[in-house]
C-alpha atoms as a PDB file:
ATOM      1  CA  MET A   1      92.769 115.267  94.127  1.00  0.00           C
ATOM      2  CA  SER A   2      89.904 113.129  95.379  1.00  0.00           C
ATOM      3  CA  LYS A   3      90.405 109.355  95.228  1.00  0.00           C
ATOM      4  CA  THR A   4      87.904 106.494  95.188  1.00  0.00           C
ATOM      5  CA  ILE A   5      88.875 104.087  97.956  1.00  0.00           C
ATOM      6  CA  LEU A   6      87.410 100.673  98.809  1.00  0.00           C
ATOM      7  CA  ILE A   7      87.907  99.491 102.394  1.00  0.00           C
ATOM      8  CA  THR A   8      86.920  96.005 103.492  1.00  0.00           C
ATOM      9  CA  GLY A   9      85.989  95.401 107.113  1.00  0.00           C
ATOM     10  CA  ALA A  10      85.000  99.049 107.468  1.00  0.00           C
ATOM     11  CA  THR A  11      82.212  98.773 110.064  1.00  0.00           C
ATOM     12  CA  ASP A  12      84.428  99.011 113.140  1.00  0.00           C
ATOM     13  CA  GLY A  13      87.999  99.267 114.375  1.00  0.00           C
ATOM     14  CA  ILE A  14      90.824 100.418 112.142  1.00  0.00           C
ATOM     15  CA  GLY A  15      88.711 100.102 109.003  1.00  0.00           C
ATOM     16  CA  LEU A  16      86.005 102.438 110.251  1.00  0.00           C
ATOM     17  CA  LEU A  17      88.444 105.013 111.598  1.00  0.00           C
ATOM     18  CA  THR A  18      90.423 104.924 108.354  1.00  0.00           C
ATOM     19  CA  ALA A  19      87.211 105.434 106.386  1.00  0.00           C
ATOM     20  CA  LYS A  20      86.284 108.430 108.548  1.00  0.00           C
ATOM     21  CA  THR A  21      89.744 109.914 108.109  1.00  0.00           C
ATOM     22  CA  LEU A  22      89.736 109.508 104.330  1.00  0.00           C
ATOM     23  CA  ALA A  23      86.156 110.688 103.867  1.00  0.00           C
ATOM     24  CA  GLY A  24      86.918 113.703 106.032  1.00  0.00           C
ATOM     25  CA  ALA A  25      89.748 114.587 103.652  1.00  0.00           C
ATOM     26  CA  GLY A  26      87.319 114.633 100.729  1.00  0.00           C
ATOM     27  CA  HIS A  27      87.837 111.181  99.258  1.00  0.00           C
ATOM     28  CA  THR A  28      85.041 108.915  98.020  1.00  0.00           C
ATOM     29  CA  VAL A  29      84.948 105.935 100.359  1.00  0.00           C
ATOM     30  CA  LEU A  30      83.304 102.583  99.613  1.00  0.00           C
ATOM     31  CA  LEU A  31      82.521 100.693 102.805  1.00  0.00           C
ATOM     32  CA  HIS A  32      82.370  96.917 102.994  1.00  0.00           C
ATOM     33  CA  GLY A  33      80.954  94.977 105.920  1.00  0.00           C
ATOM     34  CA  ARG A  34      79.233  91.704 106.771  1.00  0.00           C
ATOM     35  CA  SER A  35      76.181  93.170 108.547  1.00  0.00           C
ATOM     36  CA  ALA A  36      73.642  95.476 106.933  1.00  0.00           C
ATOM     37  CA  ASP A  37      72.875  97.125 110.271  1.00  0.00           C
ATOM     38  CA  LYS A  38      76.538  97.752 111.039  1.00  0.00           C
ATOM     39  CA  LEU A  39      77.087  99.116 107.535  1.00  0.00           C
ATOM     40  CA  ALA A  40      74.239 101.573 107.984  1.00  0.00           C
ATOM     41  CA  ALA A  41      75.664 102.713 111.326  1.00  0.00           C
ATOM     42  CA  ALA A  42      79.163 103.004 109.855  1.00  0.00           C
ATOM     43  CA  ALA A  43      77.902 105.052 106.907  1.00  0.00           C
ATOM     44  CA  GLN A  44      76.191 107.451 109.290  1.00  0.00           C
ATOM     45  CA  GLU A  45      79.359 107.761 111.374  1.00  0.00           C
ATOM     46  CA  VAL A  46      81.573 108.310 108.337  1.00  0.00           C
ATOM     47  CA  GLY A  47      79.168 110.878 106.924  1.00  0.00           C
ATOM     48  CA  GLY A  48      78.737 112.121 103.396  1.00  0.00           C
ATOM     49  CA  ALA A  49      76.536 109.208 102.262  1.00  0.00           C
ATOM     50  CA  PRO A  50      79.286 106.691 101.398  1.00  0.00           C
ATOM     51  CA  GLU A  51      78.408 103.643  99.325  1.00  0.00           C
ATOM     52  CA  THR A  52      78.012 100.426 101.301  1.00  0.00           C
ATOM     53  CA  TYR A  53      78.564  96.830 100.192  1.00  0.00           C
ATOM     54  CA  ARG A  54      77.550  93.797 102.231  1.00  0.00           C
ATOM     55  CA  ALA A  55      79.361  90.476 101.835  1.00  0.00           C
ATOM     56  CA  ASP A  56      80.525  87.625 104.041  1.00  0.00           C
ATOM     57  CA  LEU A  57      84.179  87.201 103.064  1.00  0.00           C
ATOM     58  CA  SER A  58      84.253  83.665 104.468  1.00  0.00           C
ATOM     59  CA  ARG A  59      82.161  82.706 101.413  1.00  0.00           C
ATOM     60  CA  LEU A  60      84.119  83.067  98.195  1.00  0.00           C
ATOM     61  CA  GLU A  61      80.968  83.286  96.061  1.00  0.00           C
ATOM     62  CA  GLU A  62      80.044  86.398  98.053  1.00  0.00           C
ATOM     63  CA  VAL A  63      83.475  87.834  97.292  1.00  0.00           C
ATOM     64  CA  GLU A  64      82.687  87.344  93.606  1.00  0.00           C
ATOM     65  CA  ARG A  65      79.335  89.051  94.062  1.00  0.00           C
ATOM     66  CA  LEU A  66      80.969  91.941  95.917  1.00  0.00           C
ATOM     67  CA  ALA A  67      83.425  92.477  93.084  1.00  0.00           C
ATOM     68  CA  GLY A  68      80.583  92.439  90.562  1.00  0.00           C
ATOM     69  CA  GLU A  69      78.626  95.040  92.520  1.00  0.00           C
ATOM     70  CA  VAL A  70      81.641  97.336  92.760  1.00  0.00           C
ATOM     71  CA  ARG A  71      82.394  96.974  89.055  1.00  0.00           C
ATOM     72  CA  ALA A  72      78.769  97.701  88.179  1.00  0.00           C
ATOM     73  CA  ARG A  73      79.029 101.104  89.878  1.00  0.00           C
ATOM     74  CA  HIS A  74      82.649 102.038  89.205  1.00  0.00           C
ATOM     75  CA  ASP A  75      85.084 101.880  86.324  1.00  0.00           C
ATOM     76  CA  ARG A  76      87.962 103.020  88.539  1.00  0.00           C
ATOM     77  CA  ILE A  77      89.087 102.266  92.089  1.00  0.00           C
ATOM     78  CA  ASP A  78      92.172 104.290  93.001  1.00  0.00           C
ATOM     79  CA  VAL A  79      92.983 102.521  96.256  1.00  0.00           C
ATOM     80  CA  MET A  80      91.906  99.184  97.680  1.00  0.00           C
ATOM     81  CA  ILE A  81      92.500  98.535 101.383  1.00  0.00           C
ATOM     82  CA  ASN A  82      92.113  94.858 102.253  1.00  0.00           C
ATOM     83  CA  ASN A  83      91.518  95.445 105.951  1.00  0.00           C
ATOM     84  CA  ALA A  84      88.960  92.772 106.888  1.00  0.00           C
ATOM     85  CA  GLY A  85      90.350  90.004 109.058  1.00  0.00           C
ATOM     86  CA  VAL A  86      89.489  87.438 111.684  1.00  0.00           C
ATOM     87  CA  PHE A  87      91.505  86.045 114.564  1.00  0.00           C
ATOM     88  CA  LYS A  88      89.243  84.249 117.032  1.00  0.00           C
ATOM     89  CA  THR A  89      86.027  82.692 115.792  1.00  0.00           C
ATOM     90  CA  ASP A  90      83.645  80.032 117.015  1.00  0.00           C
ATOM     91  CA  LYS A  91      83.280  78.821 113.439  1.00  0.00           C
ATOM     92  CA  THR A  92      86.790  77.834 112.429  1.00  0.00           C
ATOM     93  CA  ARG A  93      85.606  75.947 109.332  1.00  0.00           C
ATOM     94  CA  THR A  94      83.564  77.228 106.411  1.00  0.00           C
ATOM     95  CA  SER A  95      80.771  75.162 104.891  1.00  0.00           C
ATOM     96  CA  GLU A  96      83.306  74.077 102.241  1.00  0.00           C
ATOM     97  CA  GLY A  97      85.636  72.720 104.918  1.00  0.00           C
ATOM     98  CA  LEU A  98      88.252  75.450 104.655  1.00  0.00           C
ATOM     99  CA  ASP A  99      89.851  77.263 107.582  1.00  0.00           C
ATOM    100  CA  THR A 100      87.842  80.452 108.136  1.00  0.00           C
ATOM    101  CA  ARG A 101      90.944  82.418 109.134  1.00  0.00           C
ATOM    102  CA  PHE A 102      92.703  81.612 105.861  1.00  0.00           C
ATOM    103  CA  VAL A 103      89.584  82.316 103.791  1.00  0.00           C
ATOM    104  CA  VAL A 104      88.938  85.768 105.281  1.00  0.00           C
ATOM    105  CA  ASN A 105      92.555  86.855 105.822  1.00  0.00           C
ATOM    106  CA  THR A 106      94.205  85.425 102.710  1.00  0.00           C
ATOM    107  CA  PHE A 107      91.918  83.970 100.033  1.00  0.00           C
ATOM    108  CA  ALA A 108      89.154  86.596 100.005  1.00  0.00           C
ATOM    109  CA  PRO A 109      91.459  89.615  99.580  1.00  0.00           C
ATOM    110  CA  PHE A 110      93.429  87.769  96.908  1.00  0.00           C
ATOM    111  CA  LEU A 111      90.264  86.947  94.946  1.00  0.00           C
ATOM    112  CA  LEU A 112      88.732  90.391  95.391  1.00  0.00           C
ATOM    113  CA  THR A 113      91.956  92.042  94.236  1.00  0.00           C
ATOM    114  CA  GLN A 114      92.131  89.800  91.173  1.00  0.00           C
ATOM    115  CA  LEU A 115      88.529  90.549  90.232  1.00  0.00           C
ATOM    116  CA  LEU A 116      88.966  94.318  90.595  1.00  0.00           C
ATOM    117  CA  LEU A 117      92.492  94.603  89.230  1.00  0.00           C
ATOM    118  CA  SER A 118      91.387  95.759  85.783  1.00  0.00           C
ATOM    119  CA  ILE A 119      89.747  98.888  87.251  1.00  0.00           C
ATOM    120  CA  ILE A 120      92.677  99.823  89.504  1.00  0.00           C
ATOM    121  CA  PRO A 121      94.937 102.210  87.541  1.00  0.00           C
ATOM    122  CA  LYS A 122      98.670 101.738  87.221  1.00  0.00           C
ATOM    123  CA  GLU A 123      99.218 104.573  89.681  1.00  0.00           C
ATOM    124  CA  GLY A 124      96.746 103.027  92.115  1.00  0.00           C
ATOM    125  CA  ARG A 125      97.527 101.066  95.264  1.00  0.00           C
ATOM    126  CA  VAL A 126      96.465  97.824  96.939  1.00  0.00           C
ATOM    127  CA  VAL A 127      97.142  97.962 100.670  1.00  0.00           C
ATOM    128  CA  ASN A 128      97.011  94.602 102.440  1.00  0.00           C
ATOM    129  CA  LEU A 129      96.729  94.235 106.206  1.00  0.00           C
ATOM    130  CA  SER A 130      99.531  92.050 107.478  1.00  0.00           C
ATOM    131  CA  SER A 131     100.641  91.643 111.091  1.00  0.00           C
ATOM    132  CA  ALA A 132     103.689  91.340 113.294  1.00  0.00           C
ATOM    133  CA  ALA A 133     102.372  87.807 113.884  1.00  0.00           C
ATOM    134  CA  GLN A 134     103.751  85.779 110.963  1.00  0.00           C
ATOM    135  CA  ALA A 135     104.528  82.058 110.881  1.00  0.00           C
ATOM    136  CA  PRO A 136     105.578  79.498 108.242  1.00  0.00           C
ATOM    137  CA  VAL A 137     102.552  78.461 106.215  1.00  0.00           C
ATOM    138  CA  ASP A 138     101.344  74.864 106.468  1.00  0.00           C
ATOM    139  CA  VAL A 139      99.988  74.246 102.970  1.00  0.00           C
ATOM    140  CA  ASP A 140      97.860  71.316 104.102  1.00  0.00           C
ATOM    141  CA  ALA A 141      96.260  73.499 106.771  1.00  0.00           C
ATOM    142  CA  MET A 142      95.688  76.233 104.208  1.00  0.00           C
ATOM    143  CA  ARG A 143      93.946  73.674 102.011  1.00  0.00           C
ATOM    144  CA  GLY A 144      91.721  72.683 104.935  1.00  0.00           C
ATOM    145  CA  LYS A 145      93.369  69.324 105.538  1.00  0.00           C
ATOM    146  CA  ARG A 146      94.787  70.089 108.983  1.00  0.00           C
ATOM    147  CA  ALA A 147      93.342  72.001 111.931  1.00  0.00           C
ATOM    148  CA  LEU A 148      95.195  74.895 113.558  1.00  0.00           C
ATOM    149  CA  ASP A 149      94.575  76.889 116.709  1.00  0.00           C
ATOM    150  CA  HIS A 150      93.597  80.552 116.443  1.00  0.00           C
ATOM    151  CA  MET A 151      97.076  82.043 116.690  1.00  0.00           C
ATOM    152  CA  GLU A 152      98.645  79.496 114.330  1.00  0.00           C
ATOM    153  CA  ALA A 153      96.002  80.122 111.679  1.00  0.00           C
ATOM    154  CA  TYR A 154      96.131  83.886 112.086  1.00  0.00           C
ATOM    155  CA  ALA A 155      99.923  84.134 111.931  1.00  0.00           C
ATOM    156  CA  GLN A 156     100.138  81.803 108.944  1.00  0.00           C
ATOM    157  CA  SER A 157      97.357  83.610 107.090  1.00  0.00           C
ATOM    158  CA  LYS A 158      99.137  86.931 107.620  1.00  0.00           C
ATOM    159  CA  LEU A 159     102.415  85.619 106.245  1.00  0.00           C
ATOM    160  CA  ALA A 160     100.463  84.226 103.293  1.00  0.00           C
ATOM    161  CA  ILE A 161      98.899  87.601 102.458  1.00  0.00           C
ATOM    162  CA  THR A 162     102.328  89.211 102.774  1.00  0.00           C
ATOM    163  CA  MET A 163     103.733  86.638 100.366  1.00  0.00           C
ATOM    164  CA  TRP A 164     101.052  87.150  97.742  1.00  0.00           C
ATOM    165  CA  THR A 165     101.492  90.904  98.060  1.00  0.00           C
ATOM    166  CA  GLN A 166     105.124  90.431  97.024  1.00  0.00           C
ATOM    167  CA  GLU A 167     104.218  88.079  94.197  1.00  0.00           C
ATOM    168  CA  MET A 168     101.560  90.396  92.775  1.00  0.00           C
ATOM    169  CA  ALA A 169     104.081  93.226  92.806  1.00  0.00           C
ATOM    170  CA  ARG A 170     106.552  91.037  90.936  1.00  0.00           C
ATOM    171  CA  PHE A 171     104.018  90.184  88.233  1.00  0.00           C
ATOM    172  CA  HIS A 172     102.768  93.772  87.923  1.00  0.00           C
ATOM    173  CA  PRO A 173     105.931  95.896  87.978  1.00  0.00           C
ATOM    174  CA  GLU A 174     104.150  98.610  86.014  1.00  0.00           C
ATOM    175  CA  GLY A 175     101.591  99.041  88.801  1.00  0.00           C
ATOM    176  CA  PRO A 176      99.431  99.301  90.727  1.00  0.00           C
ATOM    177  CA  ALA A 177     101.546  99.215  93.885  1.00  0.00           C
ATOM    178  CA  PHE A 178     100.990  96.282  96.234  1.00  0.00           C
ATOM    179  CA  ILE A 179     101.957  97.017  99.834  1.00  0.00           C
ATOM    180  CA  ALA A 180     101.687  94.894 102.983  1.00  0.00           C
ATOM    181  CA  VAL A 181     101.306  96.789 106.250  1.00  0.00           C
ATOM    182  CA  ASN A 182     101.437  95.760 109.880  1.00  0.00           C
ATOM    183  CA  PRO A 183      99.258  98.591 111.247  1.00  0.00           C
ATOM    184  CA  GLY A 184     100.541  98.124 114.785  1.00  0.00           C
ATOM    185  CA  SER A 185     100.335  95.413 117.401  1.00  0.00           C
ATOM    186  CA  LEU A 186      97.470  95.134 119.883  1.00  0.00           C
ATOM    187  CA  LEU A 187      95.496  98.141 118.722  1.00  0.00           C
ATOM    188  CA  ALA A 188      92.118  98.761 120.344  1.00  0.00           C
ATOM    189  CA  SER A 189      90.027  96.815 117.849  1.00  0.00           C
ATOM    190  CA  LYS A 190      87.218  94.355 118.466  1.00  0.00           C
ATOM    191  CA  MET A 191      89.557  91.583 117.291  1.00  0.00           C
ATOM    192  CA  VAL A 192      92.178  92.446 119.912  1.00  0.00           C
ATOM    193  CA  LYS A 193      89.646  92.839 122.706  1.00  0.00           C
ATOM    194  CA  GLU A 194      87.988  89.496 121.959  1.00  0.00           C
ATOM    195  CA  GLY A 195      91.191  87.670 121.120  1.00  0.00           C
ATOM    196  CA  PHE A 196      93.508  88.891 123.846  1.00  0.00           C
ATOM    197  CA  GLY A 197      91.232  90.395 126.481  1.00  0.00           C
ATOM    198  CA  VAL A 198      93.053  93.735 126.510  1.00  0.00           C
ATOM    199  CA  THR A 199      91.865  97.250 125.751  1.00  0.00           C
ATOM    200  CA  GLY A 200      94.643  97.845 123.251  1.00  0.00           C
ATOM    201  CA  ASN A 201      96.500 100.876 121.945  1.00  0.00           C
ATOM    202  CA  ASP A 202      95.063 103.908 120.179  1.00  0.00           C
ATOM    203  CA  LEU A 203      93.373 102.922 116.900  1.00  0.00           C
ATOM    204  CA  SER A 204      94.591 106.116 115.272  1.00  0.00           C
ATOM    205  CA  ILE A 205      98.067 104.531 115.131  1.00  0.00           C
ATOM    206  CA  GLY A 206      96.738 102.036 112.602  1.00  0.00           C
ATOM    207  CA  ALA A 207      94.388 104.378 110.764  1.00  0.00           C
ATOM    208  CA  ASP A 208      97.181 106.898 110.210  1.00  0.00           C
ATOM    209  CA  VAL A 209      99.551 104.390 108.646  1.00  0.00           C
ATOM    210  CA  LEU A 210      96.787 103.059 106.383  1.00  0.00           C
ATOM    211  CA  ARG A 211      96.053 106.613 105.249  1.00  0.00           C
ATOM    212  CA  ARG A 212      99.732 107.110 104.493  1.00  0.00           C
ATOM    213  CA  ALA A 213     100.022 103.775 102.696  1.00  0.00           C
ATOM    214  CA  ALA A 214      97.000 104.660 100.578  1.00  0.00           C
ATOM    215  CA  LEU A 215      97.955 108.204  99.634  1.00  0.00           C
ATOM    216  CA  SER A 216     101.362 109.481 100.733  1.00  0.00           C
ATOM    217  CA  ASP A 217     104.461 109.840  98.580  1.00  0.00           C
ATOM    218  CA  GLU A 218     106.548 107.755 100.999  1.00  0.00           C
ATOM    219  CA  PHE A 219     104.644 104.637  99.839  1.00  0.00           C
ATOM    220  CA  ALA A 220     104.441 105.544  96.144  1.00  0.00           C
ATOM    221  CA  SER A 221     107.398 103.344  95.163  1.00  0.00           C
ATOM    222  CA  ALA A 222     106.962 100.732  97.888  1.00  0.00           C
ATOM    223  CA  THR A 223     105.382  98.008  95.768  1.00  0.00           C
ATOM    224  CA  GLY A 224     106.148  94.537  97.080  1.00  0.00           C
ATOM    225  CA  ARG A 225     107.426  95.853 100.414  1.00  0.00           C
ATOM    226  CA  TYR A 226     106.296  95.280 103.984  1.00  0.00           C
ATOM    227  CA  TYR A 227     105.864  98.195 106.373  1.00  0.00           C
ATOM    228  CA  ASP A 228     106.168  97.391 110.068  1.00  0.00           C
ATOM    229  CA  ASN A 229     104.387 100.140 111.966  1.00  0.00           C
ATOM    230  CA  ASP A 230     105.682  98.802 115.286  1.00  0.00           C
ATOM    231  CA  ALA A 231     109.173  99.703 114.086  1.00  0.00           C
ATOM    232  CA  GLY A 232     107.999 102.727 112.090  1.00  0.00           C
ATOM    233  CA  ARG A 233     109.770 101.647 108.908  1.00  0.00           C
ATOM    234  CA  PHE A 234     109.877  99.275 105.967  1.00  0.00           C
ATOM    235  CA  ALA A 235     111.355  96.007 107.171  1.00  0.00           C
ATOM    236  CA  PRO A 236     111.816  92.404 106.081  1.00  0.00           C
ATOM    237  CA  PRO A 237     108.820  90.193 106.870  1.00  0.00           C
ATOM    238  CA  HIS A 238     109.247  86.582 108.031  1.00  0.00           C
ATOM    239  CA  ASP A 239     112.278  84.860 106.490  1.00  0.00           C
ATOM    240  CA  ASP A 240     110.051  82.551 104.418  1.00  0.00           C
ATOM    241  CA  ALA A 241     108.956  85.573 102.380  1.00  0.00           C
ATOM    242  CA  ALA A 242     112.550  85.919 101.152  1.00  0.00           C
ATOM    243  CA  ASP A 243     112.493  82.384  99.686  1.00  0.00           C
ATOM    244  CA  PRO A 244     111.145  82.586  96.094  1.00  0.00           C
ATOM    245  CA  ALA A 245     110.319  78.869  96.030  1.00  0.00           C
ATOM    246  CA  LYS A 246     108.253  79.078  99.211  1.00  0.00           C
ATOM    247  CA  VAL A 247     106.472  82.211  98.015  1.00  0.00           C
ATOM    248  CA  ALA A 248     105.640  80.574  94.676  1.00  0.00           C
ATOM    249  CA  GLU A 249     104.389  77.433  96.425  1.00  0.00           C
ATOM    250  CA  ILE A 250     102.060  79.398  98.691  1.00  0.00           C
ATOM    251  CA  VAL A 251     100.689  81.588  95.892  1.00  0.00           C
ATOM    252  CA  GLU A 252     100.036  78.581  93.665  1.00  0.00           C
ATOM    253  CA  ALA A 253      98.262  76.850  96.556  1.00  0.00           C
ATOM    254  CA  ILE A 254      96.102  79.936  97.151  1.00  0.00           C
ATOM    255  CA  LYS A 255      95.116  80.030  93.487  1.00  0.00           C
ATOM    256  CA  ALA A 256      94.374  76.308  93.449  1.00  0.00           C
ATOM    257  CA  VAL A 257      92.130  76.492  96.504  1.00  0.00           C
ATOM    258  CA  ILE A 258      90.212  79.463  95.128  1.00  0.00           C
ATOM    259  CA  SER A 259      89.805  77.917  91.688  1.00  0.00           C
ATOM    260  CA  THR A 260      88.441  74.751  93.273  1.00  0.00           C
ATOM    261  CA  HIS A 261      85.823  76.633  95.278  1.00  0.00           C
ATOM    262  CA  ILE A 262      84.500  79.157  92.760  1.00  0.00           C
ATOM    263  CA  LYS A 263      82.870  78.749  89.381  1.00  0.00           C
ATOM    264  CA  LYS A 264      85.091  81.190  87.544  1.00  0.00           C
ATOM    265  CA  GLY A 265      88.826  80.861  87.152  1.00  0.00           C
ATOM    266  CA  LEU A 266      91.197  83.726  87.817  1.00  0.00           C
ATOM    267  CA  ASP A 267      91.449  86.019  84.834  1.00  0.00           C
ATOM    268  CA  SER A 268      94.693  87.790  85.696  1.00  0.00           C
ATOM    269  CA  GLY A 269      97.406  88.317  88.252  1.00  0.00           C
ATOM    270  CA  ALA A 270     100.337  86.311  89.518  1.00  0.00           C
ATOM    271  CA  SER A 271     100.803  83.130  87.539  1.00  0.00           C
END
């Protein structure tokens, strides 16, 4: 049965290859990207005239606009893959003074998921890109009050998205499923090449696990869990994710930051 699948960060790397894989299997794929030119090229590569949506996820008002555009064209999204992410960037601060890595990797997918949650069915799935790089979250840094280097910000933002994945699953036990996935370390993406100066491993490693997380039976009852593709199994994330007080603190901080920087409040979700 054909599914409607939204993929953020779908103009290159794992996102693009995942989109090609899913479209090739007959699914309707919605491509998000930051550049109109790259979106057009990605759509041509994916084939089948997929819908494209342009938004800069470092700007939360554009995340709101993106959600509105998707909702205007669809009353159902079966799978949402929050793939977009940033590691190294020359612009580490947004115009609002927030850490760009946290905004793109943690806040934007949280907000987009909240705004689209009402059109994701109970049997649907939200797949969030985590990482093997996870570190205790500095709430002040997440709020933009303390500067971090690239790896610190990236690792903390990835633990934060893993934490809110768990919390959303806890508050929505009836579905959809919320799953955090480390697609594999040092895959051959633009992020890895620019961040680490290495060619990286085969991107199909990551695209395959995202396809499975989106559609396969093995992930159907995996809500709230973390899949480590380096190990090839579900595994515990960083120890902080097992501390309910720490998870609640981080999720509340995420919601507070978002609510401060957008006009609308959050209508639903973990609370």
